[in-house]
Amino acid sequence: MAKTAFKGTPVTLAGDLPQVGSLAPDFTLTKSDLSNVSLSDYAGKTVVLNIFPSIDTPVCAMSVRKFNTEIGNYENAVVLCVSADLPFAHARFCGAEGLDHVVSASTFRSPGFGDAYGTRIGDGPLAGLMARAVVVIDGAGKVTYTQLVEEISQEPDYDKALAALADKDPLQACTASPTAEHSRGLADDGPCDDGRAGG
């Protein structure tokens, strides 16, 4: 079983994050409007799971704001912000902050999520909540990137997560390269100069 830390004290988790290259476990979580959301709902899209202990803590809130800002740069991707908070807490926070580019997802009806993804904290003051982690899943349902943050009170590595996301996104593939044959204006909805489909 994986370990992380909370304010320097070691914490044991329920298991391990899914391995890169493996099929991501399906799940059904609860959105802020109390409807269900499943991994299978996003077949064909890249899914980023931003997993954290609680929306009502500063670091978790910062991660939601960051991913909400960044996900607009990707045309075929979605971020699910996953915690054990009640859906009402997610709705209150995102509503107050005006965050509408991420999907809030609560594990309160789905305790098995933390076991399937190895993120449920098994001991210490945060026992029962989710550890801080990021999992990127491609459109075919395969895990392409994971990070278990070594210290729960620290933010995830956004740059690495977004780099993994960019590798799977057609808009980023067209615009990220500085070479002339791959470049095109963002306002142009046509194909890339090398024939790839544009965004």
N, C-alpha and C. Protein backbone atom coordinates (compact mmCIF):
# COMPACT_ATOMS: atom_id res chain seq x y z
N MET A 1 0.84 -1.20 0.00
CA MET A 1 0.00 0.00 0.00
C MET A 1 0.88 1.25 0.00
N ALA A 2 0.40 2.25 -0.73
CA ALA A 2 1.18 3.48 -0.86
C ALA A 2 1.15 4.29 0.43
N LYS A 3 2.12 5.16 0.54
CA LYS A 3 2.18 6.06 1.69
C LYS A 3 2.36 7.49 1.21
N THR A 4 1.82 8.40 1.97
CA THR A 4 2.05 9.82 1.77
C THR A 4 2.28 10.41 3.15
N ALA A 5 2.14 11.72 3.28
CA ALA A 5 2.36 12.34 4.59
C ALA A 5 1.42 13.51 4.75
N PHE A 6 1.04 13.78 6.02
CA PHE A 6 0.24 14.95 6.34
C PHE A 6 0.97 15.75 7.40
N LYS A 7 1.46 16.92 7.00
CA LYS A 7 2.25 17.78 7.88
C LYS A 7 3.44 17.03 8.47
N GLY A 8 4.07 16.22 7.60
CA GLY A 8 5.28 15.50 7.98
C GLY A 8 5.06 14.15 8.62
N THR A 9 3.84 13.82 8.97
CA THR A 9 3.54 12.52 9.60
C THR A 9 3.14 11.52 8.53
N PRO A 10 3.78 10.35 8.47
CA PRO A 10 3.43 9.36 7.45
C PRO A 10 1.97 8.93 7.54
N VAL A 11 1.39 8.71 6.38
CA VAL A 11 -0.01 8.31 6.27
C VAL A 11 -0.08 7.11 5.31
N THR A 12 -0.80 6.08 5.69
CA THR A 12 -0.97 4.89 4.86
C THR A 12 -2.27 4.98 4.08
N LEU A 13 -2.22 4.62 2.80
CA LEU A 13 -3.41 4.65 1.95
C LEU A 13 -3.98 3.25 1.77
N ALA A 14 -5.18 3.20 1.17
CA ALA A 14 -5.88 1.93 1.02
C ALA A 14 -5.25 1.02 -0.02
N GLY A 15 -4.43 1.57 -0.89
CA GLY A 15 -3.81 0.77 -1.95
C GLY A 15 -2.81 1.59 -2.71
N ASP A 16 -2.77 1.39 -4.02
CA ASP A 16 -1.85 2.12 -4.88
C ASP A 16 -2.61 2.75 -6.03
N LEU A 17 -2.09 3.84 -6.57
CA LEU A 17 -2.68 4.42 -7.76
C LEU A 17 -2.63 3.42 -8.91
N PRO A 18 -3.57 3.49 -9.83
CA PRO A 18 -3.51 2.62 -11.01
C PRO A 18 -2.20 2.84 -11.76
N GLN A 19 -1.65 1.78 -12.32
CA GLN A 19 -0.39 1.89 -13.04
C GLN A 19 -0.58 2.55 -14.40
N VAL A 20 0.41 3.33 -14.79
CA VAL A 20 0.40 3.92 -16.13
C VAL A 20 0.37 2.80 -17.17
N GLY A 21 -0.51 2.92 -18.13
CA GLY A 21 -0.67 1.89 -19.15
C GLY A 21 -1.81 0.93 -18.87
N SER A 22 -2.32 0.92 -17.64
CA SER A 22 -3.42 0.03 -17.29
C SER A 22 -4.76 0.69 -17.60
N LEU A 23 -5.81 -0.12 -17.67
CA LEU A 23 -7.15 0.44 -17.83
C LEU A 23 -7.59 1.04 -16.51
N ALA A 24 -8.11 2.25 -16.56
CA ALA A 24 -8.56 2.91 -15.34
C ALA A 24 -9.84 2.24 -14.83
N PRO A 25 -9.94 2.02 -13.54
CA PRO A 25 -11.20 1.46 -13.00
C PRO A 25 -12.36 2.41 -13.26
N ASP A 26 -13.48 1.87 -13.70
CA ASP A 26 -14.65 2.72 -13.87
C ASP A 26 -15.18 3.11 -12.50
N PHE A 27 -15.98 4.14 -12.46
CA PHE A 27 -16.53 4.61 -11.20
C PHE A 27 -17.81 5.38 -11.48
N THR A 28 -18.62 5.52 -10.45
CA THR A 28 -19.78 6.40 -10.48
C THR A 28 -19.73 7.27 -9.24
N LEU A 29 -19.62 8.58 -9.46
CA LEU A 29 -19.57 9.54 -8.37
C LEU A 29 -20.79 10.45 -8.46
N THR A 30 -20.87 11.42 -7.57
CA THR A 30 -22.06 12.28 -7.49
C THR A 30 -21.67 13.73 -7.75
N LYS A 31 -22.31 14.33 -8.75
CA LYS A 31 -22.05 15.73 -9.08
C LYS A 31 -22.75 16.67 -8.10
N SER A 32 -22.45 17.95 -8.23
CA SER A 32 -22.99 18.92 -7.28
C SER A 32 -24.51 19.07 -7.38
N ASP A 33 -25.11 18.62 -8.50
CA ASP A 33 -26.58 18.66 -8.63
C ASP A 33 -27.21 17.33 -8.22
N LEU A 34 -26.41 16.46 -7.60
CA LEU A 34 -26.82 15.14 -7.09
C LEU A 34 -27.03 14.10 -8.18
N SER A 35 -26.71 14.41 -9.43
CA SER A 35 -26.77 13.40 -10.49
C SER A 35 -25.47 12.60 -10.50
N ASN A 36 -25.52 11.44 -11.14
CA ASN A 36 -24.34 10.58 -11.22
C ASN A 36 -23.41 11.00 -12.35
N VAL A 37 -22.13 10.74 -12.15
CA VAL A 37 -21.15 10.94 -13.21
C VAL A 37 -20.20 9.75 -13.18
N SER A 38 -19.95 9.17 -14.35
CA SER A 38 -19.11 7.98 -14.46
C SER A 38 -17.97 8.23 -15.43
N LEU A 39 -16.90 7.48 -15.28
CA LEU A 39 -15.79 7.57 -16.22
C LEU A 39 -16.28 7.26 -17.63
N SER A 40 -17.16 6.29 -17.76
CA SER A 40 -17.65 5.89 -19.08
C SER A 40 -18.44 7.00 -19.78
N ASP A 41 -18.90 8.01 -19.03
CA ASP A 41 -19.59 9.14 -19.64
C ASP A 41 -18.68 9.93 -20.56
N TYR A 42 -17.37 9.80 -20.36
CA TYR A 42 -16.40 10.62 -21.09
C TYR A 42 -15.56 9.77 -22.05
N ALA A 43 -16.12 8.68 -22.52
CA ALA A 43 -15.41 7.85 -23.49
C ALA A 43 -15.02 8.69 -24.70
N GLY A 44 -13.76 8.59 -25.11
CA GLY A 44 -13.25 9.38 -26.22
C GLY A 44 -12.62 10.69 -25.80
N LYS A 45 -12.79 11.07 -24.53
CA LYS A 45 -12.18 12.29 -24.01
C LYS A 45 -11.07 11.94 -23.03
N THR A 46 -10.11 12.85 -22.91
CA THR A 46 -9.10 12.71 -21.88
C THR A 46 -9.68 13.22 -20.57
N VAL A 47 -9.54 12.44 -19.51
CA VAL A 47 -10.10 12.77 -18.21
C VAL A 47 -8.96 13.01 -17.22
N VAL A 48 -9.02 14.13 -16.53
CA VAL A 48 -8.08 14.42 -15.45
C VAL A 48 -8.83 14.29 -14.13
N LEU A 49 -8.37 13.40 -13.27
CA LEU A 49 -8.93 13.29 -11.93
C LEU A 49 -8.06 14.10 -10.98
N ASN A 50 -8.60 15.20 -10.49
CA ASN A 50 -7.94 16.02 -9.48
C ASN A 50 -8.51 15.59 -8.13
N ILE A 51 -7.78 14.75 -7.43
CA ILE A 51 -8.28 14.10 -6.21
C ILE A 51 -7.67 14.80 -5.00
N PHE A 52 -8.49 15.07 -3.99
CA PHE A 52 -7.98 15.82 -2.84
C PHE A 52 -8.85 15.56 -1.61
N PRO A 53 -8.37 15.97 -0.41
CA PRO A 53 -9.12 15.68 0.82
C PRO A 53 -10.44 16.45 0.95
N SER A 54 -10.41 17.78 0.79
CA SER A 54 -11.63 18.56 1.01
C SER A 54 -11.55 19.91 0.30
N ILE A 55 -12.65 20.29 -0.32
CA ILE A 55 -12.74 21.57 -1.00
C ILE A 55 -12.62 22.73 -0.02
N ASP A 56 -12.86 22.47 1.25
CA ASP A 56 -12.83 23.53 2.26
C ASP A 56 -11.46 23.72 2.89
N THR A 57 -10.41 23.34 2.18
CA THR A 57 -9.05 23.61 2.63
C THR A 57 -8.34 24.43 1.54
N PRO A 58 -7.41 25.29 1.92
CA PRO A 58 -6.82 26.23 0.94
C PRO A 58 -6.12 25.57 -0.23
N VAL A 59 -5.33 24.52 0.00
CA VAL A 59 -4.58 23.90 -1.09
C VAL A 59 -5.53 23.21 -2.07
N CYS A 60 -6.54 22.54 -1.55
CA CYS A 60 -7.51 21.89 -2.43
C CYS A 60 -8.24 22.92 -3.27
N ALA A 61 -8.62 24.03 -2.65
CA ALA A 61 -9.31 25.09 -3.38
C ALA A 61 -8.42 25.65 -4.48
N MET A 62 -7.13 25.83 -4.19
CA MET A 62 -6.21 26.34 -5.21
C MET A 62 -6.11 25.40 -6.39
N SER A 63 -6.11 24.09 -6.14
CA SER A 63 -6.00 23.14 -7.24
C SER A 63 -7.23 23.19 -8.14
N VAL A 64 -8.40 23.37 -7.54
CA VAL A 64 -9.62 23.47 -8.34
C VAL A 64 -9.58 24.72 -9.20
N ARG A 65 -9.17 25.84 -8.61
CA ARG A 65 -9.06 27.09 -9.39
C ARG A 65 -8.07 26.94 -10.54
N LYS A 66 -6.93 26.31 -10.27
CA LYS A 66 -5.90 26.17 -11.30
C LYS A 66 -6.38 25.33 -12.47
N PHE A 67 -6.96 24.17 -12.17
CA PHE A 67 -7.44 23.32 -13.25
C PHE A 67 -8.62 23.96 -13.98
N ASN A 68 -9.45 24.70 -13.27
CA ASN A 68 -10.56 25.40 -13.92
C ASN A 68 -10.03 26.40 -14.95
N THR A 69 -8.95 27.07 -14.62
CA THR A 69 -8.35 28.04 -15.54
C THR A 69 -7.70 27.36 -16.73
N GLU A 70 -6.99 26.28 -16.48
CA GLU A 70 -6.18 25.65 -17.53
C GLU A 70 -6.99 24.79 -18.50
N ILE A 71 -8.07 24.17 -18.04
CA ILE A 71 -8.75 23.18 -18.88
C ILE A 71 -9.39 23.83 -20.10
N GLY A 72 -9.63 25.15 -20.06
CA GLY A 72 -10.18 25.83 -21.22
C GLY A 72 -9.24 25.83 -22.43
N ASN A 73 -7.97 25.50 -22.22
CA ASN A 73 -7.00 25.46 -23.31
C ASN A 73 -7.00 24.12 -24.05
N TYR A 74 -7.87 23.20 -23.64
CA TYR A 74 -7.89 21.86 -24.22
C TYR A 74 -9.31 21.57 -24.70
N GLU A 75 -9.42 21.12 -25.94
CA GLU A 75 -10.75 21.00 -26.54
C GLU A 75 -11.41 19.64 -26.30
N ASN A 76 -10.68 18.63 -25.93
CA ASN A 76 -11.27 17.30 -25.80
C ASN A 76 -10.89 16.66 -24.46
N ALA A 77 -11.03 17.46 -23.41
CA ALA A 77 -10.63 17.00 -22.09
C ALA A 77 -11.57 17.54 -21.04
N VAL A 78 -11.62 16.87 -19.91
CA VAL A 78 -12.46 17.28 -18.80
C VAL A 78 -11.70 17.03 -17.50
N VAL A 79 -11.91 17.90 -16.52
CA VAL A 79 -11.33 17.71 -15.19
C VAL A 79 -12.45 17.38 -14.21
N LEU A 80 -12.30 16.27 -13.51
CA LEU A 80 -13.20 15.92 -12.41
C LEU A 80 -12.46 16.19 -11.11
N CYS A 81 -13.06 17.03 -10.27
CA CYS A 81 -12.48 17.34 -8.96
C CYS A 81 -13.15 16.44 -7.94
N VAL A 82 -12.38 15.50 -7.41
CA VAL A 82 -12.93 14.39 -6.63
C VAL A 82 -12.53 14.51 -5.16
N SER A 83 -13.52 14.48 -4.28
CA SER A 83 -13.26 14.46 -2.85
C SER A 83 -14.45 13.81 -2.15
N ALA A 84 -14.30 13.62 -0.84
CA ALA A 84 -15.38 13.04 -0.05
C ALA A 84 -16.36 14.09 0.45
N ASP A 85 -16.17 15.35 0.06
CA ASP A 85 -17.11 16.41 0.45
C ASP A 85 -18.50 16.09 -0.07
N LEU A 86 -19.51 16.55 0.65
CA LEU A 86 -20.87 16.44 0.14
C LEU A 86 -21.01 17.30 -1.12
N PRO A 87 -21.89 16.93 -2.03
CA PRO A 87 -22.09 17.72 -3.25
C PRO A 87 -22.45 19.18 -2.96
N PHE A 88 -23.12 19.41 -1.83
CA PHE A 88 -23.50 20.78 -1.50
C PHE A 88 -22.27 21.66 -1.27
N ALA A 89 -21.23 21.09 -0.67
CA ALA A 89 -19.99 21.85 -0.45
C ALA A 89 -19.32 22.20 -1.78
N HIS A 90 -19.30 21.23 -2.70
CA HIS A 90 -18.75 21.49 -4.03
C HIS A 90 -19.54 22.60 -4.72
N ALA A 91 -20.88 22.51 -4.65
CA ALA A 91 -21.73 23.50 -5.32
C ALA A 91 -21.52 24.88 -4.72
N ARG A 92 -21.42 24.96 -3.41
CA ARG A 92 -21.22 26.25 -2.74
C ARG A 92 -19.91 26.88 -3.17
N PHE A 93 -18.83 26.09 -3.16
CA PHE A 93 -17.51 26.64 -3.50
C PHE A 93 -17.45 27.07 -4.95
N CYS A 94 -17.82 26.18 -5.85
CA CYS A 94 -17.70 26.50 -7.28
C CYS A 94 -18.64 27.64 -7.67
N GLY A 95 -19.81 27.69 -7.03
CA GLY A 95 -20.75 28.77 -7.31
C GLY A 95 -20.20 30.11 -6.85
N ALA A 96 -19.64 30.14 -5.66
CA ALA A 96 -19.09 31.38 -5.12
C ALA A 96 -17.88 31.86 -5.92
N GLU A 97 -17.11 30.90 -6.44
CA GLU A 97 -15.89 31.24 -7.17
C GLU A 97 -16.13 31.43 -8.68
N GLY A 98 -17.32 31.07 -9.14
CA GLY A 98 -17.61 31.17 -10.57
C GLY A 98 -16.83 30.15 -11.39
N LEU A 99 -16.62 28.96 -10.85
CA LEU A 99 -15.84 27.93 -11.54
C LEU A 99 -16.79 27.00 -12.29
N ASP A 100 -16.77 27.08 -13.60
CA ASP A 100 -17.70 26.28 -14.39
C ASP A 100 -17.02 25.45 -15.47
N HIS A 101 -15.69 25.34 -15.41
CA HIS A 101 -14.98 24.53 -16.40
C HIS A 101 -14.55 23.17 -15.86
N VAL A 102 -14.79 22.93 -14.59
CA VAL A 102 -14.47 21.63 -13.98
C VAL A 102 -15.77 20.98 -13.52
N VAL A 103 -15.71 19.67 -13.33
CA VAL A 103 -16.85 18.90 -12.85
C VAL A 103 -16.57 18.46 -11.43
N SER A 104 -17.45 18.83 -10.51
CA SER A 104 -17.30 18.41 -9.12
C SER A 104 -17.84 17.00 -8.96
N ALA A 105 -17.12 16.17 -8.21
CA ALA A 105 -17.51 14.77 -8.06
C ALA A 105 -17.25 14.31 -6.63
N SER A 106 -18.31 13.94 -5.94
CA SER A 106 -18.21 13.51 -4.55
C SER A 106 -18.21 11.99 -4.46
N THR A 107 -17.41 11.47 -3.52
CA THR A 107 -17.37 10.02 -3.29
C THR A 107 -18.35 9.58 -2.21
N PHE A 108 -19.23 10.45 -1.74
CA PHE A 108 -20.01 10.11 -0.55
C PHE A 108 -20.95 8.93 -0.76
N ARG A 109 -21.35 8.67 -1.99
CA ARG A 109 -22.16 7.47 -2.29
C ARG A 109 -21.30 6.32 -2.81
N SER A 110 -20.02 6.57 -2.99
CA SER A 110 -19.15 5.60 -3.66
C SER A 110 -17.85 5.41 -2.89
N PRO A 111 -17.91 4.82 -1.70
CA PRO A 111 -16.69 4.66 -0.91
C PRO A 111 -15.66 3.77 -1.58
N GLY A 112 -16.08 2.95 -2.54
CA GLY A 112 -15.14 2.08 -3.22
C GLY A 112 -14.18 2.80 -4.13
N PHE A 113 -14.47 4.07 -4.48
CA PHE A 113 -13.57 4.81 -5.36
C PHE A 113 -12.18 4.92 -4.75
N GLY A 114 -12.11 5.26 -3.48
CA GLY A 114 -10.82 5.45 -2.81
C GLY A 114 -10.01 4.18 -2.73
N ASP A 115 -10.69 3.03 -2.70
CA ASP A 115 -9.98 1.75 -2.71
C ASP A 115 -9.52 1.40 -4.11
N ALA A 116 -10.40 1.61 -5.11
CA ALA A 116 -10.05 1.28 -6.49
C ALA A 116 -8.89 2.12 -7.00
N TYR A 117 -8.82 3.38 -6.57
CA TYR A 117 -7.76 4.28 -7.02
C TYR A 117 -6.64 4.44 -6.00
N GLY A 118 -6.74 3.73 -4.89
CA GLY A 118 -5.66 3.74 -3.90
C GLY A 118 -5.46 5.06 -3.20
N THR A 119 -6.50 5.86 -3.09
CA THR A 119 -6.35 7.20 -2.54
C THR A 119 -7.03 7.39 -1.18
N ARG A 120 -7.75 6.39 -0.70
CA ARG A 120 -8.41 6.55 0.60
C ARG A 120 -7.37 6.52 1.72
N ILE A 121 -7.40 7.54 2.55
CA ILE A 121 -6.47 7.63 3.67
C ILE A 121 -6.92 6.67 4.77
N GLY A 122 -5.98 5.82 5.21
CA GLY A 122 -6.34 4.76 6.15
C GLY A 122 -6.11 5.09 7.61
N ASP A 123 -5.30 6.11 7.90
CA ASP A 123 -5.03 6.42 9.30
C ASP A 123 -4.74 7.91 9.45
N GLY A 124 -4.59 8.35 10.70
CA GLY A 124 -4.32 9.76 10.95
C GLY A 124 -5.59 10.59 11.00
N PRO A 125 -5.45 11.88 11.22
CA PRO A 125 -6.63 12.74 11.37
C PRO A 125 -7.50 12.87 10.12
N LEU A 126 -6.96 12.55 8.96
CA LEU A 126 -7.73 12.64 7.71
C LEU A 126 -8.25 11.27 7.25
N ALA A 127 -8.23 10.28 8.12
CA ALA A 127 -8.67 8.94 7.76
C ALA A 127 -10.08 8.98 7.16
N GLY A 128 -10.24 8.28 6.04
CA GLY A 128 -11.52 8.22 5.36
C GLY A 128 -11.64 9.21 4.22
N LEU A 129 -10.80 10.26 4.22
CA LEU A 129 -10.79 11.21 3.12
C LEU A 129 -9.84 10.74 2.02
N MET A 130 -9.81 11.48 0.92
CA MET A 130 -8.92 11.13 -0.18
C MET A 130 -7.57 11.82 -0.01
N ALA A 131 -6.51 11.14 -0.40
CA ALA A 131 -5.19 11.77 -0.47
C ALA A 131 -5.16 12.69 -1.68
N ARG A 132 -4.09 13.49 -1.78
CA ARG A 132 -3.96 14.39 -2.92
C ARG A 132 -3.25 13.65 -4.06
N ALA A 133 -3.91 13.58 -5.21
CA ALA A 133 -3.35 12.84 -6.34
C ALA A 133 -3.95 13.38 -7.63
N VAL A 134 -3.26 13.12 -8.73
CA VAL A 134 -3.75 13.44 -10.06
C VAL A 134 -3.60 12.19 -10.93
N VAL A 135 -4.65 11.86 -11.65
CA VAL A 135 -4.63 10.74 -12.58
C VAL A 135 -5.15 11.24 -13.93
N VAL A 136 -4.39 11.01 -14.99
CA VAL A 136 -4.82 11.38 -16.34
C VAL A 136 -5.16 10.10 -17.10
N ILE A 137 -6.33 10.08 -17.72
CA ILE A 137 -6.86 8.90 -18.41
C ILE A 137 -7.18 9.30 -19.84
N ASP A 138 -6.69 8.56 -20.82
CA ASP A 138 -6.94 8.94 -22.21
C ASP A 138 -8.32 8.49 -22.67
N GLY A 139 -8.66 8.83 -23.91
CA GLY A 139 -9.99 8.55 -24.42
C GLY A 139 -10.34 7.09 -24.54
N ALA A 140 -9.32 6.23 -24.52
CA ALA A 140 -9.56 4.79 -24.56
C ALA A 140 -9.65 4.18 -23.17
N GLY A 141 -9.55 5.02 -22.15
CA GLY A 141 -9.68 4.53 -20.78
C GLY A 141 -8.38 4.07 -20.14
N LYS A 142 -7.25 4.37 -20.79
CA LYS A 142 -5.96 3.96 -20.23
C LYS A 142 -5.33 5.09 -19.43
N VAL A 143 -4.68 4.72 -18.34
CA VAL A 143 -3.99 5.68 -17.49
C VAL A 143 -2.70 6.10 -18.18
N THR A 144 -2.50 7.40 -18.34
CA THR A 144 -1.29 7.90 -19.01
C THR A 144 -0.37 8.67 -18.06
N TYR A 145 -0.88 9.06 -16.90
CA TYR A 145 -0.04 9.81 -15.94
C TYR A 145 -0.66 9.71 -14.56
N THR A 146 0.18 9.59 -13.55
CA THR A 146 -0.30 9.64 -12.17
C THR A 146 0.70 10.40 -11.31
N GLN A 147 0.19 11.03 -10.29
CA GLN A 147 1.03 11.61 -9.24
C GLN A 147 0.32 11.47 -7.91
N LEU A 148 0.97 10.83 -6.97
CA LEU A 148 0.54 10.86 -5.58
C LEU A 148 1.42 11.90 -4.90
N VAL A 149 0.83 13.01 -4.48
CA VAL A 149 1.60 14.09 -3.88
C VAL A 149 2.17 13.59 -2.54
N GLU A 150 3.48 13.76 -2.39
CA GLU A 150 4.16 13.17 -1.22
C GLU A 150 3.74 13.81 0.09
N GLU A 151 3.35 15.05 0.06
CA GLU A 151 2.88 15.76 1.25
C GLU A 151 1.49 16.33 0.95
N ILE A 152 0.49 15.87 1.68
CA ILE A 152 -0.90 16.22 1.38
C ILE A 152 -1.12 17.73 1.41
N SER A 153 -0.36 18.44 2.21
CA SER A 153 -0.55 19.88 2.33
C SER A 153 0.09 20.67 1.19
N GLN A 154 0.68 19.99 0.21
CA GLN A 154 1.29 20.65 -0.93
C GLN A 154 0.45 20.45 -2.19
N GLU A 155 0.62 21.35 -3.16
CA GLU A 155 -0.12 21.27 -4.41
C GLU A 155 0.48 20.21 -5.33
N PRO A 156 -0.33 19.69 -6.26
CA PRO A 156 0.22 18.75 -7.24
C PRO A 156 1.10 19.46 -8.25
N ASP A 157 1.80 18.69 -9.06
CA ASP A 157 2.65 19.23 -10.12
C ASP A 157 1.77 19.50 -11.35
N TYR A 158 1.28 20.72 -11.45
CA TYR A 158 0.37 21.06 -12.54
C TYR A 158 1.05 20.92 -13.90
N ASP A 159 2.30 21.33 -13.99
CA ASP A 159 2.99 21.32 -15.28
C ASP A 159 3.07 19.92 -15.86
N LYS A 160 3.40 18.94 -15.04
CA LYS A 160 3.50 17.57 -15.54
C LYS A 160 2.13 17.02 -15.91
N ALA A 161 1.14 17.32 -15.13
CA ALA A 161 -0.21 16.85 -15.44
C ALA A 161 -0.70 17.46 -16.75
N LEU A 162 -0.47 18.74 -16.93
CA LEU A 162 -0.92 19.41 -18.15
C LEU A 162 -0.12 18.96 -19.36
N ALA A 163 1.16 18.62 -19.15
CA ALA A 163 1.97 18.09 -20.25
C ALA A 163 1.41 16.76 -20.72
N ALA A 164 1.00 15.92 -19.77
CA ALA A 164 0.40 14.63 -20.13
C ALA A 164 -0.92 14.84 -20.85
N LEU A 165 -1.65 15.84 -20.45
CA LEU A 165 -2.91 16.17 -21.09
C LEU A 165 -2.69 16.69 -22.50
N ALA A 166 -1.69 17.54 -22.68
CA ALA A 166 -1.41 18.13 -23.99
C ALA A 166 -1.05 17.07 -25.01
N ASP A 167 -0.39 16.01 -24.57
CA ASP A 167 0.01 14.94 -25.49
C ASP A 167 -1.18 14.28 -26.16
N LYS A 168 -2.36 14.37 -25.52
CA LYS A 168 -3.55 13.69 -26.03
C LYS A 168 -4.56 14.64 -26.66
N ASP A 169 -4.27 15.94 -26.66
CA ASP A 169 -5.26 16.91 -27.09
C ASP A 169 -4.95 17.42 -28.50
N PRO A 170 -5.90 17.33 -29.43
CA PRO A 170 -5.61 17.73 -30.81
C PRO A 170 -5.32 19.22 -30.95
N LEU A 171 -5.98 20.07 -30.18
CA LEU A 171 -5.71 21.49 -30.28
C LEU A 171 -4.29 21.80 -29.83
N GLN A 172 -3.86 21.19 -28.72
CA GLN A 172 -2.51 21.42 -28.24
C GLN A 172 -1.48 20.85 -29.20
N ALA A 173 -1.79 19.71 -29.81
CA ALA A 173 -0.86 19.10 -30.76
C ALA A 173 -0.63 20.02 -31.95
N CYS A 174 -1.66 20.77 -32.33
CA CYS A 174 -1.54 21.66 -33.47
C CYS A 174 -0.83 22.95 -33.13
N THR A 175 -1.04 23.46 -31.90
CA THR A 175 -0.56 24.79 -31.58
C THR A 175 0.71 24.82 -30.76
N ALA A 176 1.07 23.70 -30.11
CA ALA A 176 2.21 23.74 -29.20
C ALA A 176 3.54 23.77 -29.92
N SER A 177 3.60 23.18 -31.11
CA SER A 177 4.87 23.10 -31.81
C SER A 177 5.24 24.44 -32.44
N PRO A 178 6.51 24.86 -32.30
CA PRO A 178 6.92 26.13 -32.91
C PRO A 178 7.24 26.02 -34.39
N THR A 179 7.25 24.79 -34.92
CA THR A 179 7.63 24.64 -36.33
C THR A 179 6.51 25.13 -37.24
N ALA A 180 6.90 25.69 -38.39
CA ALA A 180 5.93 26.31 -39.29
C ALA A 180 4.88 25.33 -39.77
N GLU A 181 5.29 24.08 -40.03
CA GLU A 181 4.34 23.13 -40.60
C GLU A 181 3.27 22.71 -39.61
N HIS A 182 3.51 22.95 -38.32
CA HIS A 182 2.51 22.58 -37.32
C HIS A 182 1.74 23.79 -36.80
N SER A 183 2.12 24.97 -37.19
CA SER A 183 1.51 26.16 -36.60
C SER A 183 0.28 26.59 -37.38
N ARG A 184 -0.66 27.17 -36.67
CA ARG A 184 -1.81 27.79 -37.30
C ARG A 184 -2.39 28.79 -36.32
N GLY A 185 -3.18 29.73 -36.79
CA GLY A 185 -3.80 30.71 -35.90
C GLY A 185 -4.90 30.06 -35.09
N LEU A 186 -5.07 30.49 -33.86
CA LEU A 186 -6.10 29.94 -33.01
C LEU A 186 -7.50 30.23 -33.55
N ALA A 187 -7.64 31.29 -34.32
CA ALA A 187 -8.94 31.63 -34.86
C ALA A 187 -9.30 30.80 -36.08
N ASP A 188 -8.36 30.05 -36.61
CA ASP A 188 -8.56 29.25 -37.82
C ASP A 188 -9.08 27.88 -37.44
N ASP A 189 -10.28 27.52 -37.90
CA ASP A 189 -10.85 26.22 -37.58
C ASP A 189 -10.48 25.16 -38.60
N GLY A 190 -9.62 25.47 -39.54
CA GLY A 190 -9.22 24.52 -40.56
C GLY A 190 -8.17 23.56 -40.03
N PRO A 191 -7.72 22.65 -40.87
CA PRO A 191 -6.71 21.67 -40.44
C PRO A 191 -5.34 22.30 -40.26
N CYS A 192 -4.49 21.60 -39.55
CA CYS A 192 -3.10 22.03 -39.44
C CYS A 192 -2.45 21.99 -40.82
N ASP A 193 -1.33 22.70 -40.97
CA ASP A 193 -0.64 22.73 -42.24
C ASP A 193 -0.13 21.37 -42.67
N ASP A 194 0.05 20.45 -41.71
CA ASP A 194 0.53 19.12 -42.08
C ASP A 194 -0.61 18.14 -42.28
N GLY A 195 -1.86 18.65 -42.30
CA GLY A 195 -2.99 17.81 -42.64
C GLY A 195 -3.77 17.26 -41.47
N ARG A 196 -3.27 17.47 -40.24
CA ARG A 196 -4.03 16.98 -39.10
C ARG A 196 -5.25 17.83 -38.87
N ALA A 197 -6.29 17.22 -38.30
CA ALA A 197 -7.53 17.97 -38.06
C ALA A 197 -7.30 19.05 -37.04
N GLY A 198 -7.87 20.19 -37.26
CA GLY A 198 -7.74 21.30 -36.32
C GLY A 198 -8.82 21.27 -35.28
N GLY A 199 -8.75 22.24 -34.34
CA GLY A 199 -9.73 22.30 -33.28
C GLY A 199 -10.90 23.18 -33.66
